[in-house]
Amino acid sequence: MITPKNLIRHELIGLQVDVVESTNKDNIGISGVVINETKHMLTIKTTKGLKRIAKRCTIFAFKFSGKTVKVDGKRIEKKPEDRIKLKVKKW
């Protein structure tokens, strides 16, 4: 089961996400559902179409089960299959 403590080890596809901070000011405020993930990018389906957002320079707010969890993109910048195998220390 996905919880705030183990979010970075789970599949992100299908989760609601907001871009909270980014070095690219145009990305701030983008909101939608994650539809694809690569090592360096999240593809988000928004009301205005698909947006590809770099993980490294962004802070995301993932929403699930009535909770919101902020995650620094650097923490999830790995291949999805490798990230799922991580042993997570307190973050």
PDB file of N, CA and C in Angstrom:
ATOM      1  N   MET A   1       0.833  -1.178   0.000  1.00  0.00           N
ATOM      2  CA  MET A   1       0.000   0.000   0.000  1.00  0.00           C
ATOM      3  C   MET A   1       0.878   1.243   0.000  1.00  0.00           C
ATOM      4  N   ILE A   2       0.472   2.220  -0.765  1.00  0.00           N
ATOM      5  CA  ILE A   2       1.244   3.450  -0.872  1.00  0.00           C
ATOM      6  C   ILE A   2       0.938   4.356   0.322  1.00  0.00           C
ATOM      7  N   THR A   3       2.009   4.856   0.945  1.00  0.00           N
ATOM      8  CA  THR A   3       1.892   5.769   2.077  1.00  0.00           C
ATOM      9  C   THR A   3       2.845   6.936   1.844  1.00  0.00           C
ATOM     10  N   PRO A   4       2.706   8.025   2.602  1.00  0.00           N
ATOM     11  CA  PRO A   4       3.646   9.137   2.447  1.00  0.00           C
ATOM     12  C   PRO A   4       5.095   8.729   2.689  1.00  0.00           C
ATOM     13  N   LYS A   5       5.327   7.754   3.566  1.00  0.00           N
ATOM     14  CA  LYS A   5       6.696   7.338   3.880  1.00  0.00           C
ATOM     15  C   LYS A   5       7.340   6.514   2.774  1.00  0.00           C
ATOM     16  N   ASN A   6       6.544   5.777   1.993  1.00  0.00           N
ATOM     17  CA  ASN A   6       7.146   4.922   0.963  1.00  0.00           C
ATOM     18  C   ASN A   6       6.784   5.354  -0.455  1.00  0.00           C
ATOM     19  N   LEU A   7       6.281   6.552  -0.607  1.00  0.00           N
ATOM     20  CA  LEU A   7       5.856   7.051  -1.919  1.00  0.00           C
ATOM     21  C   LEU A   7       6.953   6.942  -2.973  1.00  0.00           C
ATOM     22  N   ILE A   8       8.183   7.298  -2.618  1.00  0.00           N
ATOM     23  CA  ILE A   8       9.239   7.325  -3.636  1.00  0.00           C
ATOM     24  C   ILE A   8       9.642   5.933  -4.112  1.00  0.00           C
ATOM     25  N   ARG A   9       9.161   4.897  -3.453  1.00  0.00           N
ATOM     26  CA  ARG A   9       9.436   3.526  -3.880  1.00  0.00           C
ATOM     27  C   ARG A   9       8.307   2.946  -4.714  1.00  0.00           C
ATOM     28  N   HIS A  10       7.228   3.668  -4.894  1.00  0.00           N
ATOM     29  CA  HIS A  10       6.068   3.139  -5.597  1.00  0.00           C
ATOM     30  C   HIS A  10       5.957   3.674  -7.019  1.00  0.00           C
ATOM     31  N   GLU A  11       5.084   3.054  -7.757  1.00  0.00           N
ATOM     32  CA  GLU A  11       4.749   3.476  -9.112  1.00  0.00           C
ATOM     33  C   GLU A  11       4.066   4.848  -9.036  1.00  0.00           C
ATOM     34  N   LEU A  12       4.549   5.797  -9.822  1.00  0.00           N
ATOM     35  CA  LEU A  12       3.989   7.149  -9.814  1.00  0.00           C
ATOM     36  C   LEU A  12       2.904   7.332 -10.870  1.00  0.00           C
ATOM     37  N   ILE A  13       2.897   6.453 -11.873  1.00  0.00           N
ATOM     38  CA  ILE A  13       1.909   6.568 -12.945  1.00  0.00           C
ATOM     39  C   ILE A  13       0.515   6.401 -12.359  1.00  0.00           C
ATOM     40  N   GLY A  14      -0.345   7.352 -12.702  1.00  0.00           N
ATOM     41  CA  GLY A  14      -1.719   7.333 -12.208  1.00  0.00           C
ATOM     42  C   GLY A  14      -1.964   8.266 -11.041  1.00  0.00           C
ATOM     43  N   LEU A  15      -0.885   8.800 -10.442  1.00  0.00           N
ATOM     44  CA  LEU A  15      -1.048   9.706  -9.310  1.00  0.00           C
ATOM     45  C   LEU A  15      -1.297  11.132  -9.777  1.00  0.00           C
ATOM     46  N   GLN A  16      -2.098  11.857  -9.015  1.00  0.00           N
ATOM     47  CA  GLN A  16      -2.316  13.287  -9.242  1.00  0.00           C
ATOM     48  C   GLN A  16      -1.062  14.019  -8.767  1.00  0.00           C
ATOM     49  N   VAL A  17      -0.594  14.999  -9.537  1.00  0.00           N
ATOM     50  CA  VAL A  17       0.635  15.705  -9.187  1.00  0.00           C
ATOM     51  C   VAL A  17       0.509  17.184  -9.535  1.00  0.00           C
ATOM     52  N   ASP A  18       1.166  18.016  -8.720  1.00  0.00           N
ATOM     53  CA  ASP A  18       1.287  19.450  -8.976  1.00  0.00           C
ATOM     54  C   ASP A  18       2.767  19.795  -8.954  1.00  0.00           C
ATOM     55  N   VAL A  19       3.176  20.722  -9.806  1.00  0.00           N
ATOM     56  CA  VAL A  19       4.552  21.221  -9.782  1.00  0.00           C
ATOM     57  C   VAL A  19       4.560  22.414  -8.828  1.00  0.00           C
ATOM     58  N   VAL A  20       5.274  22.276  -7.713  1.00  0.00           N
ATOM     59  CA  VAL A  20       5.289  23.296  -6.674  1.00  0.00           C
ATOM     60  C   VAL A  20       6.417  24.301  -6.900  1.00  0.00           C
ATOM     61  N   GLU A  21       7.605  23.791  -7.193  1.00  0.00           N
ATOM     62  CA  GLU A  21       8.771  24.639  -7.454  1.00  0.00           C
ATOM     63  C   GLU A  21       9.537  24.068  -8.628  1.00  0.00           C
ATOM     64  N   SER A  22      10.173  24.961  -9.383  1.00  0.00           N
ATOM     65  CA  SER A  22      10.981  24.519 -10.518  1.00  0.00           C
ATOM     66  C   SER A  22      11.923  25.640 -10.920  1.00  0.00           C
ATOM     67  N   THR A  23      13.074  25.258 -11.476  1.00  0.00           N
ATOM     68  CA  THR A  23      13.980  26.283 -11.993  1.00  0.00           C
ATOM     69  C   THR A  23      13.398  26.903 -13.259  1.00  0.00           C
ATOM     70  N   ASN A  24      12.512  26.175 -13.936  1.00  0.00           N
ATOM     71  CA  ASN A  24      11.789  26.707 -15.090  1.00  0.00           C
ATOM     72  C   ASN A  24      10.466  27.271 -14.580  1.00  0.00           C
ATOM     73  N   LYS A  25      10.378  28.573 -14.473  1.00  0.00           N
ATOM     74  CA  LYS A  25       9.195  29.229 -13.891  1.00  0.00           C
ATOM     75  C   LYS A  25       7.906  28.921 -14.649  1.00  0.00           C
ATOM     76  N   ASP A  26       8.002  28.565 -15.929  1.00  0.00           N
ATOM     77  CA  ASP A  26       6.816  28.216 -16.707  1.00  0.00           C
ATOM     78  C   ASP A  26       6.174  26.917 -16.229  1.00  0.00           C
ATOM     79  N   ASN A  27       6.935  26.062 -15.558  1.00  0.00           N
ATOM     80  CA  ASN A  27       6.413  24.779 -15.088  1.00  0.00           C
ATOM     81  C   ASN A  27       5.653  24.876 -13.772  1.00  0.00           C
ATOM     82  N   ILE A  28       5.896  25.936 -13.001  1.00  0.00           N
ATOM     83  CA  ILE A  28       5.246  26.073 -11.700  1.00  0.00           C
ATOM     84  C   ILE A  28       3.732  26.191 -11.904  1.00  0.00           C
ATOM     85  N   GLY A  29       2.999  25.375 -11.168  1.00  0.00           N
ATOM     86  CA  GLY A  29       1.540  25.396 -11.244  1.00  0.00           C
ATOM     87  C   GLY A  29       0.949  24.345 -12.166  1.00  0.00           C
ATOM     88  N   ILE A  30       1.786  23.639 -12.901  1.00  0.00           N
ATOM     89  CA  ILE A  30       1.269  22.568 -13.757  1.00  0.00           C
ATOM     90  C   ILE A  30       0.677  21.487 -12.871  1.00  0.00           C
ATOM     91  N   SER A  31      -0.505  21.032 -13.243  1.00  0.00           N
ATOM     92  CA  SER A  31      -1.218  20.055 -12.437  1.00  0.00           C
ATOM     93  C   SER A  31      -1.864  19.033 -13.356  1.00  0.00           C
ATOM     94  N   GLY A  32      -1.864  17.780 -12.927  1.00  0.00           N
ATOM     95  CA  GLY A  32      -2.489  16.745 -13.733  1.00  0.00           C
ATOM     96  C   GLY A  32      -2.178  15.366 -13.191  1.00  0.00           C
ATOM     97  N   VAL A  33      -2.271  14.385 -14.072  1.00  0.00           N
ATOM     98  CA  VAL A  33      -2.046  12.987 -13.706  1.00  0.00           C
ATOM     99  C   VAL A  33      -0.791  12.488 -14.418  1.00  0.00           C
ATOM    100  N   VAL A  34       0.072  11.798 -13.676  1.00  0.00           N
ATOM    101  CA  VAL A  34       1.283  11.217 -14.269  1.00  0.00           C
ATOM    102  C   VAL A  34       0.865  10.070 -15.178  1.00  0.00           C
ATOM    103  N   ILE A  35       1.252  10.158 -16.464  1.00  0.00           N
ATOM    104  CA  ILE A  35       0.894   9.088 -17.395  1.00  0.00           C
ATOM    105  C   ILE A  35       2.103   8.305 -17.884  1.00  0.00           C
ATOM    106  N   ASN A  36       3.315   8.851 -17.649  1.00  0.00           N
ATOM    107  CA  ASN A  36       4.526   8.136 -18.046  1.00  0.00           C
ATOM    108  C   ASN A  36       5.686   8.647 -17.213  1.00  0.00           C
ATOM    109  N   GLU A  37       6.693   7.796 -17.063  1.00  0.00           N
ATOM    110  CA  GLU A  37       7.862   8.165 -16.281  1.00  0.00           C
ATOM    111  C   GLU A  37       9.099   7.543 -16.897  1.00  0.00           C
ATOM    112  N   THR A  38      10.151   8.347 -17.013  1.00  0.00           N
ATOM    113  CA  THR A  38      11.456   7.843 -17.411  1.00  0.00           C
ATOM    114  C   THR A  38      12.437   8.220 -16.301  1.00  0.00           C
ATOM    115  N   LYS A  39      13.708   7.935 -16.506  1.00  0.00           N
ATOM    116  CA  LYS A  39      14.703   8.237 -15.483  1.00  0.00           C
ATOM    117  C   LYS A  39      14.722   9.725 -15.139  1.00  0.00           C
ATOM    118  N   HIS A  40      14.612  10.578 -16.133  1.00  0.00           N
ATOM    119  CA  HIS A  40      14.776  12.012 -15.915  1.00  0.00           C
ATOM    120  C   HIS A  40      13.496  12.829 -16.062  1.00  0.00           C
ATOM    121  N   MET A  41      12.415  12.236 -16.511  1.00  0.00           N
ATOM    122  CA  MET A  41      11.209  13.019 -16.825  1.00  0.00           C
ATOM    123  C   MET A  41       9.932  12.368 -16.307  1.00  0.00           C
ATOM    124  N   LEU A  42       8.954  13.229 -15.984  1.00  0.00           N
ATOM    125  CA  LEU A  42       7.584  12.788 -15.760  1.00  0.00           C
ATOM    126  C   LEU A  42       6.738  13.384 -16.873  1.00  0.00           C
ATOM    127  N   THR A  43       5.860  12.600 -17.449  1.00  0.00           N
ATOM    128  CA  THR A  43       4.902  13.117 -18.425  1.00  0.00           C
ATOM    129  C   THR A  43       3.581  13.243 -17.699  1.00  0.00           C
ATOM    130  N   ILE A  44       3.040  14.464 -17.725  1.00  0.00           N
ATOM    131  CA  ILE A  44       1.822  14.775 -16.986  1.00  0.00           C
ATOM    132  C   ILE A  44       0.723  15.145 -17.972  1.00  0.00           C
ATOM    133  N   LYS A  45      -0.437  14.521 -17.802  1.00  0.00           N
ATOM    134  CA  LYS A  45      -1.591  14.855 -18.632  1.00  0.00           C
ATOM    135  C   LYS A  45      -2.353  15.967 -17.928  1.00  0.00           C
ATOM    136  N   THR A  46      -2.391  17.140 -18.562  1.00  0.00           N
ATOM    137  CA  THR A  46      -3.082  18.298 -18.004  1.00  0.00           C
ATOM    138  C   THR A  46      -4.311  18.605 -18.862  1.00  0.00           C
ATOM    139  N   THR A  47      -5.061  19.593 -18.455  1.00  0.00           N
ATOM    140  CA  THR A  47      -6.232  19.999 -19.240  1.00  0.00           C
ATOM    141  C   THR A  47      -5.807  20.628 -20.565  1.00  0.00           C
ATOM    142  N   LYS A  48      -4.560  21.093 -20.656  1.00  0.00           N
ATOM    143  CA  LYS A  48      -4.056  21.717 -21.882  1.00  0.00           C
ATOM    144  C   LYS A  48      -3.181  20.786 -22.710  1.00  0.00           C
ATOM    145  N   GLY A  49      -3.138  19.509 -22.358  1.00  0.00           N
ATOM    146  CA  GLY A  49      -2.344  18.554 -23.117  1.00  0.00           C
ATOM    147  C   GLY A  49      -1.269  17.911 -22.259  1.00  0.00           C
ATOM    148  N   LEU A  50      -0.314  17.266 -22.920  1.00  0.00           N
ATOM    149  CA  LEU A  50       0.766  16.574 -22.224  1.00  0.00           C
ATOM    150  C   LEU A  50       1.932  17.522 -21.963  1.00  0.00           C
ATOM    151  N   LYS A  51       2.485  17.434 -20.759  1.00  0.00           N
ATOM    152  CA  LYS A  51       3.647  18.237 -20.381  1.00  0.00           C
ATOM    153  C   LYS A  51       4.724  17.295 -19.882  1.00  0.00           C
ATOM    154  N   ARG A  52       5.943  17.480 -20.370  1.00  0.00           N
ATOM    155  CA  ARG A  52       7.085  16.690 -19.899  1.00  0.00           C
ATOM    156  C   ARG A  52       7.896  17.575 -18.964  1.00  0.00           C
ATOM    157  N   ILE A  53       8.073  17.108 -17.734  1.00  0.00           N
ATOM    158  CA  ILE A  53       8.737  17.892 -16.703  1.00  0.00           C
ATOM    159  C   ILE A  53       9.982  17.142 -16.228  1.00  0.00           C
ATOM    160  N   ALA A  54      11.112  17.842 -16.212  1.00  0.00           N
ATOM    161  CA  ALA A  54      12.361  17.251 -15.718  1.00  0.00           C
ATOM    162  C   ALA A  54      12.266  17.055 -14.209  1.00  0.00           C
ATOM    163  N   LYS A  55      12.716  15.916 -13.732  1.00  0.00           N
ATOM    164  CA  LYS A  55      12.645  15.609 -12.305  1.00  0.00           C
ATOM    165  C   LYS A  55      13.666  16.405 -11.494  1.00  0.00           C
ATOM    166  N   ARG A  56      14.894  16.494 -12.008  1.00  0.00           N
ATOM    167  CA  ARG A  56      16.015  17.031 -11.240  1.00  0.00           C
ATOM    168  C   ARG A  56      15.767  18.433 -10.681  1.00  0.00           C
ATOM    169  N   CYS A  57      15.178  19.302 -11.427  1.00  0.00           N
ATOM    170  CA  CYS A  57      15.072  20.715 -11.023  1.00  0.00           C
ATOM    171  C   CYS A  57      13.666  21.086 -10.549  1.00  0.00           C
ATOM    172  N   THR A  58      12.922  20.110 -10.043  1.00  0.00           N
ATOM    173  CA  THR A  58      11.517  20.340  -9.715  1.00  0.00           C
ATOM    174  C   THR A  58      11.160  19.717  -8.371  1.00  0.00           C
ATOM    175  N   ILE A  59      10.253  20.385  -7.667  1.00  0.00           N
ATOM    176  CA  ILE A  59       9.645  19.807  -6.472  1.00  0.00           C
ATOM    177  C   ILE A  59       8.184  19.547  -6.801  1.00  0.00           C
ATOM    178  N   PHE A  60       7.771  18.298  -6.603  1.00  0.00           N
ATOM    179  CA  PHE A  60       6.423  17.859  -6.937  1.00  0.00           C
ATOM    180  C   PHE A  60       5.598  17.679  -5.671  1.00  0.00           C
ATOM    181  N   ALA A  61       4.286  17.860  -5.797  1.00  0.00           N
ATOM    182  CA  ALA A  61       3.343  17.547  -4.717  1.00  0.00           C
ATOM    183  C   ALA A  61       2.415  16.465  -5.252  1.00  0.00           C
ATOM    184  N   PHE A  62       2.570  15.250  -4.744  1.00  0.00           N
ATOM    185  CA  PHE A  62       1.738  14.124  -5.159  1.00  0.00           C
ATOM    186  C   PHE A  62       0.548  14.019  -4.228  1.00  0.00           C
ATOM    187  N   LYS A  63      -0.633  13.775  -4.801  1.00  0.00           N
ATOM    188  CA  LYS A  63      -1.862  13.663  -4.016  1.00  0.00           C
ATOM    189  C   LYS A  63      -2.414  12.253  -4.155  1.00  0.00           C
ATOM    190  N   PHE A  64      -2.722  11.632  -3.013  1.00  0.00           N
ATOM    191  CA  PHE A  64      -3.337  10.309  -3.010  1.00  0.00           C
ATOM    192  C   PHE A  64      -3.974  10.092  -1.646  1.00  0.00           C
ATOM    193  N   SER A  65      -5.054   9.385  -1.629  1.00  0.00           N
ATOM    194  CA  SER A  65      -5.769   9.041  -0.387  1.00  0.00           C
ATOM    195  C   SER A  65      -6.025  10.260   0.499  1.00  0.00           C
ATOM    196  N   GLY A  66      -6.318  11.390  -0.109  1.00  0.00           N
ATOM    197  CA  GLY A  66      -6.608  12.600   0.658  1.00  0.00           C
ATOM    198  C   GLY A  66      -5.389  13.263   1.271  1.00  0.00           C
ATOM    199  N   LYS A  67      -4.189  12.822   0.913  1.00  0.00           N
ATOM    200  CA  LYS A  67      -2.958  13.387   1.456  1.00  0.00           C
ATOM    201  C   LYS A  67      -2.136  14.001   0.335  1.00  0.00           C
ATOM    202  N   THR A  68      -1.314  14.975   0.693  1.00  0.00           N
ATOM    203  CA  THR A  68      -0.394  15.596  -0.259  1.00  0.00           C
ATOM    204  C   THR A  68       1.019  15.436   0.273  1.00  0.00           C
ATOM    205  N   VAL A  69       1.910  14.941  -0.584  1.00  0.00           N
ATOM    206  CA  VAL A  69       3.301  14.714  -0.193  1.00  0.00           C
ATOM    207  C   VAL A  69       4.209  15.431  -1.176  1.00  0.00           C
ATOM    208  N   LYS A  70       5.063  16.320  -0.646  1.00  0.00           N
ATOM    209  CA  LYS A  70       6.037  17.013  -1.485  1.00  0.00           C
ATOM    210  C   LYS A  70       7.284  16.151  -1.617  1.00  0.00           C
ATOM    211  N   VAL A  71       7.780  16.051  -2.860  1.00  0.00           N
ATOM    212  CA  VAL A  71       8.961  15.234  -3.139  1.00  0.00           C
ATOM    213  C   VAL A  71       9.906  16.030  -4.033  1.00  0.00           C
ATOM    214  N   ASP A  72      11.153  16.119  -3.614  1.00  0.00           N
ATOM    215  CA  ASP A  72      12.179  16.727  -4.451  1.00  0.00           C
ATOM    216  C   ASP A  72      12.466  15.763  -5.598  1.00  0.00           C
ATOM    217  N   GLY A  73      12.427  16.253  -6.809  1.00  0.00           N
ATOM    218  CA  GLY A  73      12.635  15.416  -7.981  1.00  0.00           C
ATOM    219  C   GLY A  73      13.962  14.679  -7.981  1.00  0.00           C
ATOM    220  N   LYS A  74      14.964  15.222  -7.299  1.00  0.00           N
ATOM    221  CA  LYS A  74      16.264  14.549  -7.212  1.00  0.00           C
ATOM    222  C   LYS A  74      16.135  13.200  -6.498  1.00  0.00           C
ATOM    223  N   ARG A  75      15.173  13.085  -5.583  1.00  0.00           N
ATOM    224  CA  ARG A  75      14.971  11.839  -4.834  1.00  0.00           C
ATOM    225  C   ARG A  75      14.387  10.725  -5.700  1.00  0.00           C
ATOM    226  N   ILE A  76      13.710  11.109  -6.779  1.00  0.00           N
ATOM    227  CA  ILE A  76      13.067  10.105  -7.632  1.00  0.00           C
ATOM    228  C   ILE A  76      13.713  10.018  -9.006  1.00  0.00           C
ATOM    229  N   GLU A  77      14.861  10.660  -9.180  1.00  0.00           N
ATOM    230  CA  GLU A  77      15.527  10.654 -10.482  1.00  0.00           C
ATOM    231  C   GLU A  77      16.317   9.364 -10.686  1.00  0.00           C
ATOM    232  N   LYS A  78      15.587   8.324 -10.916  1.00  0.00           N
ATOM    233  CA  LYS A  78      16.134   7.006 -11.223  1.00  0.00           C
ATOM    234  C   LYS A  78      15.158   6.334 -12.162  1.00  0.00           C
ATOM    235  N   LYS A  79      15.594   5.263 -12.788  1.00  0.00           N
ATOM    236  CA  LYS A  79      14.663   4.485 -13.591  1.00  0.00           C
ATOM    237  C   LYS A  79      13.579   3.969 -12.652  1.00  0.00           C
ATOM    238  N   PRO A  80      12.325   3.959 -13.099  1.00  0.00           N
ATOM    239  CA  PRO A  80      11.248   3.494 -12.216  1.00  0.00           C
ATOM    240  C   PRO A  80      11.516   2.112 -11.625  1.00  0.00           C
ATOM    241  N   GLU A  81      12.038   1.206 -12.433  1.00  0.00           N
ATOM    242  CA  GLU A  81      12.280  -0.150 -11.924  1.00  0.00           C
ATOM    243  C   GLU A  81      13.400  -0.188 -10.894  1.00  0.00           C
ATOM    244  N   ASP A  82      14.358   0.745 -10.976  1.00  0.00           N
ATOM    245  CA  ASP A  82      15.430   0.809  -9.980  1.00  0.00           C
ATOM    246  C   ASP A  82      14.954   1.516  -8.711  1.00  0.00           C
ATOM    247  N   ARG A  83      14.131   2.544  -8.872  1.00  0.00           N
ATOM    248  CA  ARG A  83      13.625   3.304  -7.731  1.00  0.00           C
ATOM    249  C   ARG A  83      12.754   2.427  -6.823  1.00  0.00           C
ATOM    250  N   ILE A  84      12.003   1.523  -7.411  1.00  0.00           N
ATOM    251  CA  ILE A  84      11.121   0.654  -6.648  1.00  0.00           C
ATOM    252  C   ILE A  84      11.915  -0.274  -5.732  1.00  0.00           C
ATOM    253  N   LYS A  85      13.152  -0.601  -6.105  1.00  0.00           N
ATOM    254  CA  LYS A  85      13.995  -1.497  -5.316  1.00  0.00           C
ATOM    255  C   LYS A  85      14.734  -0.787  -4.180  1.00  0.00           C
ATOM    256  N   LEU A  86      14.657   0.542  -4.122  1.00  0.00           N
ATOM    257  CA  LEU A  86      15.403   1.304  -3.127  1.00  0.00           C
ATOM    258  C   LEU A  86      15.028   0.947  -1.695  1.00  0.00           C
ATOM    259  N   LYS A  87      16.010   1.014  -0.823  1.00  0.00           N
ATOM    260  CA  LYS A  87      15.739   0.971   0.610  1.00  0.00           C
ATOM    261  C   LYS A  87      15.692   2.419   1.042  1.00  0.00           C
ATOM    262  N   VAL A  88      14.562   2.834   1.555  1.00  0.00           N
ATOM    263  CA  VAL A  88      14.347   4.248   1.850  1.00  0.00           C
ATOM    264  C   VAL A  88      14.679   4.543   3.306  1.00  0.00           C
ATOM    265  N   LYS A  89      15.575   5.502   3.478  1.00  0.00           N
ATOM    266  CA  LYS A  89      15.833   6.025   4.816  1.00  0.00           C
ATOM    267  C   LYS A  89      14.824   7.141   5.053  1.00  0.00           C
ATOM    268  N   LYS A  90      14.757   7.618   6.244  1.00  0.00           N
ATOM    269  CA  LYS A  90      13.823   8.699   6.564  1.00  0.00           C
ATOM    270  C   LYS A  90      14.124   9.896   5.678  1.00  0.00           C
ATOM    271  N   TRP A  91      13.105  10.435   5.073  1.00  0.00           N
ATOM    272  CA  TRP A  91      13.269  11.611   4.227  1.00  0.00           C
ATOM    273  C   TRP A  91      12.212  12.552   4.555  1.00  0.00           C
TER     274      TRP A  91
END
